[in-house]
Amino acid sequence: MAKKNQKSTERQFGKTKPQEKKPLIDPKYKNTFWTGVTIIILIIFFIINNTRFVPEQGPYPPRYNASTEPAPDSIIPAPLRMETNNK
């Protein structure tokens, strides 16, 4: 006959039973807990990132002359224009 598979647990000495290790977080809620922790950390980073003072723009690059640089074209070709009701 085949042997029954016995779970390997801590060995029992005498009449005292070994203490069962109880997990800190119930395994049923472990994923929910870590998802909540991750979302809270992301929200904290988002708030910190959006409330910081934005530094002013730095100096222009060397040999940059604003009067000699071409201005950006502000004319949008007719096929690309969006029709709006703003008058």
Protein backbone atom coordinates (compact mmCIF):
# COMPACT_ATOMS: atom_id res chain seq x y z
CA MET A 1 0.00 0.00 0.00
CA ALA A 2 1.08 3.53 -0.64
CA LYS A 3 2.29 5.72 2.17
CA LYS A 4 0.16 8.66 3.14
CA ASN A 5 1.83 11.99 2.52
CA GLN A 6 2.24 13.80 5.78
CA LYS A 7 2.75 17.52 5.89
CA SER A 8 6.12 18.41 7.28
CA THR A 9 5.48 20.58 10.30
CA GLU A 10 7.60 21.50 13.25
CA ARG A 11 8.47 18.54 15.37
CA GLN A 12 6.57 18.18 18.61
CA PHE A 13 8.60 17.57 21.76
CA GLY A 14 6.68 16.36 24.78
CA LYS A 15 3.09 17.36 25.34
CA THR A 16 3.47 21.00 24.29
CA LYS A 17 2.40 21.77 20.76
CA PRO A 18 4.58 24.03 18.64
CA GLN A 19 3.27 27.58 18.31
CA GLU A 20 1.53 28.27 15.05
CA LYS A 21 2.95 31.23 13.17
CA LYS A 22 0.16 33.70 12.65
CA PRO A 23 0.60 36.01 9.66
CA LEU A 24 0.57 39.75 10.30
CA ILE A 25 -2.00 40.32 7.55
CA ASP A 26 -4.75 37.84 6.82
CA PRO A 27 -3.77 36.17 3.51
CA LYS A 28 -7.29 36.80 2.25
CA TYR A 29 -6.70 40.57 2.41
CA LYS A 30 -2.98 40.70 1.61
CA ASN A 31 -3.39 41.82 -2.04
CA THR A 32 -5.97 44.43 -1.09
CA PHE A 33 -3.66 45.80 1.60
CA TRP A 34 -0.65 46.15 -0.73
CA THR A 35 -2.80 47.67 -3.48
CA GLY A 36 -4.05 50.27 -1.01
CA VAL A 37 -0.52 51.04 0.21
CA THR A 38 0.69 51.46 -3.40
CA ILE A 39 -2.19 53.78 -4.32
CA ILE A 40 -1.67 55.91 -1.20
CA ILE A 41 2.06 56.26 -1.98
CA LEU A 42 1.29 57.25 -5.58
CA ILE A 43 -1.22 59.87 -4.41
CA ILE A 44 1.34 61.31 -1.97
CA PHE A 45 3.95 61.58 -4.75
CA PHE A 46 1.36 63.17 -7.06
CA ILE A 47 0.45 65.81 -4.46
CA ILE A 48 4.11 66.56 -3.67
CA ASN A 49 4.97 66.84 -7.36
CA ASN A 50 2.10 69.23 -8.12
CA THR A 51 2.53 71.52 -5.12
CA ARG A 52 6.24 72.21 -5.53
CA PHE A 53 7.42 75.59 -6.73
CA VAL A 54 8.36 75.43 -10.41
CA PRO A 55 11.76 77.05 -10.99
CA GLU A 56 11.97 79.88 -13.48
CA GLN A 57 13.41 79.31 -16.92
CA GLY A 58 17.17 79.39 -17.15
CA PRO A 59 19.30 81.69 -19.31
CA TYR A 60 19.30 81.53 -23.08
CA PRO A 61 21.90 79.32 -24.78
CA PRO A 62 25.19 80.88 -25.90
CA ARG A 63 25.09 82.95 -29.12
CA TYR A 64 21.27 83.12 -29.04
CA ASN A 65 19.78 86.30 -30.41
CA ALA A 66 15.99 86.49 -30.23
CA SER A 67 15.79 89.10 -33.01
CA THR A 68 17.51 86.82 -35.57
CA GLU A 69 15.54 83.66 -34.77
CA PRO A 70 12.52 83.02 -37.02
CA ALA A 71 9.16 83.46 -35.35
CA PRO A 72 6.90 80.43 -35.27
CA ASP A 73 4.20 80.37 -37.90
CA SER A 74 0.84 81.03 -36.35
CA ILE A 75 -1.14 80.46 -39.54
CA ILE A 76 -2.88 77.10 -39.57
CA PRO A 77 -3.64 75.64 -43.01
CA ALA A 78 -7.35 75.52 -43.85
CA PRO A 79 -7.66 71.70 -43.93
CA LEU A 80 -6.27 71.49 -40.38
CA ARG A 81 -8.45 74.21 -38.85
CA MET A 82 -11.16 73.21 -36.42
CA GLU A 83 -14.51 74.86 -36.83
CA THR A 84 -15.56 76.50 -33.57
CA ASN A 85 -18.51 78.65 -32.65
CA ASN A 86 -16.34 81.25 -30.92
CA LYS A 87 -16.78 84.67 -32.50
